Amino acid sequence: MATRRRAAAPDDTAPQGSGAGGPRILKKYPNRRLYDTQTSAYVTLQDVKAMVLGGEDFEVRDAKTSEDLTRSILLQIILEEETGGVPMFSTPMLQQIIRFYGQAMQGVLQDYLARNLQTFTELQQRFAEHSGGLGATPEAWAQFMQGQAPMMQGLMGNYIEQSKNLFVQMQEQMAKGALFPGMPGFGKTK
């Protein structure tokens, strides 16, 4: 984790950390610096990434307006990750995502991606539980996969079933006209 420099908050009128009852509050100042109200120190994007990896609940707020900037900061971290190493998103994938913005199916894609990411995370956790502390080397994973084929088939079967159910729900919404109200062939017209 990057070294944090303790400093007094430039604006003492801004809300302080919320304690045990709420998320950790980070304030973003006009100089683009992030101030952690819990530790009374400035933090970097790497520190925020460490909070995400540690599962900490936090919010990033504009120091003057209290506007929620959490998504913006998380997108900055993703951009750094995408440009700094092996990217997760290919150019065609990013182009496809951009094409969904402003379209009727944007909400469906958002829901689909969120559910699939959650399912993938659950699969990863179950896999880690069943692996018995296996190392993260490709050879170790391959060996484990060969010995655990039935378990993996079950996990992947659940993942595929959840994806199928999401598509069925989307088709039902389309049939009811919830996605494209008033369009012929996509539901009831008035």
Protein backbone atom coordinates (compact mmCIF):
# COMPACT_ATOMS: atom_id res chain seq x y z
CA MET A 1 0.00 0.00 0.00
CA ALA A 2 1.25 3.49 -0.77
CA THR A 3 2.56 5.64 2.02
CA ARG A 4 -0.08 7.87 3.50
CA ARG A 5 0.73 11.34 4.71
CA ARG A 6 -1.24 12.50 7.73
CA ALA A 7 -2.69 15.94 7.26
CA ALA A 8 -5.51 18.03 8.55
CA ALA A 9 -8.50 18.10 6.26
CA PRO A 10 -8.47 21.31 4.21
CA ASP A 11 -12.18 21.79 4.87
CA ASP A 12 -13.24 21.00 8.42
CA THR A 13 -16.93 21.52 7.57
CA ALA A 14 -17.10 18.42 5.38
CA PRO A 15 -18.58 15.27 6.95
CA GLN A 16 -16.19 13.06 8.84
CA GLY A 17 -16.01 9.26 8.76
CA SER A 18 -19.27 7.59 9.59
CA GLY A 19 -17.84 5.20 12.16
CA ALA A 20 -18.93 1.59 12.49
CA GLY A 21 -22.48 2.20 11.26
CA GLY A 22 -21.79 3.27 7.69
CA PRO A 23 -19.31 3.28 4.87
CA ARG A 24 -15.85 4.75 5.15
CA ILE A 25 -15.89 8.26 3.64
CA LEU A 26 -13.21 9.51 1.28
CA LYS A 27 -13.38 13.16 0.25
CA LYS A 28 -12.16 14.31 -3.14
CA TYR A 29 -10.82 17.84 -3.26
CA PRO A 30 -10.50 20.15 -6.29
CA ASN A 31 -6.76 19.42 -6.40
CA ARG A 32 -7.81 15.81 -7.26
CA ARG A 33 -6.50 14.47 -3.96
CA LEU A 34 -8.43 11.93 -1.91
CA TYR A 35 -8.71 12.36 1.84
CA ASP A 36 -9.64 9.43 4.09
CA THR A 37 -11.72 10.79 6.95
CA GLN A 38 -11.23 7.60 8.97
CA THR A 39 -7.43 7.76 9.03
CA SER A 40 -7.11 11.56 8.59
CA ALA A 41 -4.71 11.00 5.71
CA TYR A 42 -4.52 11.53 2.01
CA VAL A 43 -4.81 8.31 -0.01
CA THR A 44 -3.99 7.27 -3.55
CA LEU A 45 -5.94 5.27 -6.09
CA GLN A 46 -3.78 2.31 -5.09
CA ASP A 47 -5.02 2.70 -1.51
CA VAL A 48 -8.62 2.77 -2.77
CA LYS A 49 -7.92 -0.36 -4.84
CA ALA A 50 -6.63 -2.05 -1.68
CA MET A 51 -9.91 -1.10 0.05
CA VAL A 52 -11.86 -2.72 -2.77
CA LEU A 53 -9.72 -5.85 -2.65
CA GLY A 54 -10.17 -5.94 1.13
CA GLY A 55 -13.94 -5.77 0.78
CA GLU A 56 -14.23 -2.46 2.64
CA ASP A 57 -17.42 -0.45 2.31
CA PHE A 58 -16.58 3.11 1.30
CA GLU A 59 -17.90 6.11 -0.57
CA VAL A 60 -16.02 8.87 -2.34
CA ARG A 61 -17.68 12.26 -1.95
CA ASP A 62 -16.90 15.64 -3.45
CA ALA A 63 -15.54 17.74 -0.59
CA LYS A 64 -17.61 20.82 -1.53
CA THR A 65 -20.88 19.41 -2.91
CA SER A 66 -20.98 15.96 -1.23
CA GLU A 67 -21.79 14.49 -4.67
CA ASP A 68 -21.13 10.74 -4.80
CA LEU A 69 -18.00 10.20 -6.93
CA THR A 70 -17.46 6.53 -6.05
CA ARG A 71 -18.21 5.20 -9.55
CA SER A 72 -15.90 7.77 -11.11
CA ILE A 73 -13.00 6.74 -8.86
CA LEU A 74 -13.65 3.03 -9.49
CA LEU A 75 -13.64 3.68 -13.24
CA GLN A 76 -10.29 5.47 -12.85
CA ILE A 77 -8.89 2.37 -11.12
CA ILE A 78 -10.23 0.14 -13.91
CA LEU A 79 -8.67 2.45 -16.52
CA GLU A 80 -5.30 2.24 -14.76
CA GLU A 81 -5.57 -1.55 -14.61
CA GLU A 82 -6.55 -1.76 -18.28
CA THR A 83 -3.66 0.42 -19.45
CA GLY A 84 -1.04 -0.88 -17.02
CA GLY A 85 -0.94 -4.59 -17.65
CA VAL A 86 -2.93 -7.35 -19.23
CA PRO A 87 -6.32 -5.85 -20.07
CA MET A 88 -9.51 -7.66 -19.14
CA PHE A 89 -11.62 -5.95 -21.80
CA SER A 90 -10.81 -6.38 -25.48
CA THR A 91 -11.39 -3.54 -27.93
CA PRO A 92 -14.40 -5.31 -29.55
CA MET A 93 -15.90 -5.95 -26.08
CA LEU A 94 -15.58 -2.26 -25.14
CA GLN A 95 -17.11 -1.26 -28.47
CA GLN A 96 -20.07 -3.55 -27.83
CA ILE A 97 -20.58 -2.12 -24.35
CA ILE A 98 -20.48 1.45 -25.73
CA ARG A 99 -23.11 0.52 -28.31
CA PHE A 100 -25.52 -0.46 -25.53
CA TYR A 101 -25.47 3.00 -23.89
CA GLY A 102 -28.74 4.79 -24.48
CA GLN A 103 -30.39 1.72 -25.99
CA ALA A 104 -33.49 0.02 -24.66
CA MET A 105 -31.42 -3.05 -23.77
CA GLN A 106 -28.92 -1.10 -21.61
CA GLY A 107 -30.69 -2.06 -18.38
CA VAL A 108 -30.93 -5.69 -19.46
CA LEU A 109 -27.20 -5.80 -20.21
CA GLN A 110 -26.42 -4.13 -16.89
CA ASP A 111 -28.52 -6.71 -15.03
CA TYR A 112 -27.04 -9.56 -17.07
CA LEU A 113 -23.45 -8.48 -16.42
CA ALA A 114 -24.11 -7.91 -12.70
CA ARG A 115 -25.72 -11.32 -12.25
CA ASN A 116 -23.05 -13.12 -14.23
CA LEU A 117 -20.26 -11.40 -12.34
CA GLN A 118 -21.93 -12.33 -9.04
CA THR A 119 -22.34 -15.94 -10.18
CA PHE A 120 -18.73 -16.07 -11.36
CA THR A 121 -17.58 -14.71 -7.98
CA GLU A 122 -19.61 -17.37 -6.17
CA LEU A 123 -18.13 -20.07 -8.41
CA GLN A 124 -14.65 -18.78 -7.70
CA GLN A 125 -15.32 -18.87 -3.94
CA ARG A 126 -16.69 -22.42 -4.09
CA PHE A 127 -13.76 -23.50 -6.23
CA ALA A 128 -11.31 -21.99 -3.72
CA GLU A 129 -13.10 -23.76 -0.85
CA HIS A 130 -12.89 -27.12 -2.61
CA SER A 131 -9.30 -26.64 -3.79
CA GLY A 132 -7.83 -27.04 -0.32
CA GLY A 133 -5.54 -24.00 -0.51
CA LEU A 134 -4.18 -24.89 -3.91
CA GLY A 135 -1.60 -22.55 -5.37
CA ALA A 136 -2.55 -20.20 -8.17
CA THR A 137 -0.22 -21.72 -10.77
CA PRO A 138 -1.83 -22.84 -14.03
CA GLU A 139 -0.42 -26.35 -13.55
CA ALA A 140 -1.94 -26.69 -10.08
CA TRP A 141 -5.33 -25.49 -11.32
CA ALA A 142 -5.21 -27.87 -14.30
CA GLN A 143 -4.37 -30.79 -12.03
CA PHE A 144 -7.17 -29.86 -9.66
CA MET A 145 -9.65 -29.44 -12.53
CA GLN A 146 -8.87 -32.94 -13.84
CA GLY A 147 -9.48 -34.47 -10.43
CA GLN A 148 -12.61 -32.45 -9.75
CA ALA A 149 -14.47 -32.76 -13.05
CA PRO A 150 -17.86 -33.69 -11.50
CA MET A 151 -17.74 -30.76 -9.08
CA MET A 152 -16.78 -28.33 -11.86
CA GLN A 153 -19.51 -29.68 -14.10
CA GLY A 154 -22.00 -28.99 -11.32
CA LEU A 155 -20.69 -25.47 -10.73
CA MET A 156 -20.65 -24.63 -14.42
CA GLY A 157 -24.09 -26.21 -14.83
CA ASN A 158 -25.44 -23.84 -12.16
CA TYR A 159 -23.78 -20.89 -13.92
CA ILE A 160 -25.27 -21.85 -17.28
CA GLU A 161 -28.69 -22.40 -15.71
CA GLN A 162 -28.63 -18.94 -14.12
CA SER A 163 -27.65 -17.37 -17.45
CA LYS A 164 -30.47 -19.25 -19.19
CA ASN A 165 -32.96 -18.07 -16.56
CA LEU A 166 -31.88 -14.47 -17.12
CA PHE A 167 -32.51 -14.79 -20.86
CA VAL A 168 -35.92 -16.34 -20.19
CA GLN A 169 -36.79 -13.40 -17.92
CA MET A 170 -35.67 -10.97 -20.63
CA GLN A 171 -37.86 -12.76 -23.21
CA GLU A 172 -40.83 -12.58 -20.83
CA GLN A 173 -40.26 -8.84 -20.37
CA MET A 174 -40.11 -8.41 -24.13
CA ALA A 175 -43.34 -10.40 -24.58
CA LYS A 176 -45.08 -8.18 -22.02
CA GLY A 177 -43.83 -5.07 -23.80
CA ALA A 178 -41.80 -3.94 -20.79
CA LEU A 179 -38.66 -3.37 -22.85
CA PHE A 180 -40.20 -1.99 -26.04
CA PRO A 181 -43.67 -0.72 -25.17
CA GLY A 182 -45.84 0.07 -28.16
CA MET A 183 -43.60 -1.58 -30.75
CA PRO A 184 -45.26 -4.18 -32.98
CA GLY A 185 -44.02 -7.68 -32.30
CA PHE A 186 -42.59 -6.77 -28.91
CA GLY A 187 -45.67 -6.72 -26.74
CA LYS A 188 -49.05 -5.16 -26.41
CA THR A 189 -49.78 -2.01 -28.34
CA LYS A 190 -52.37 0.54 -27.34
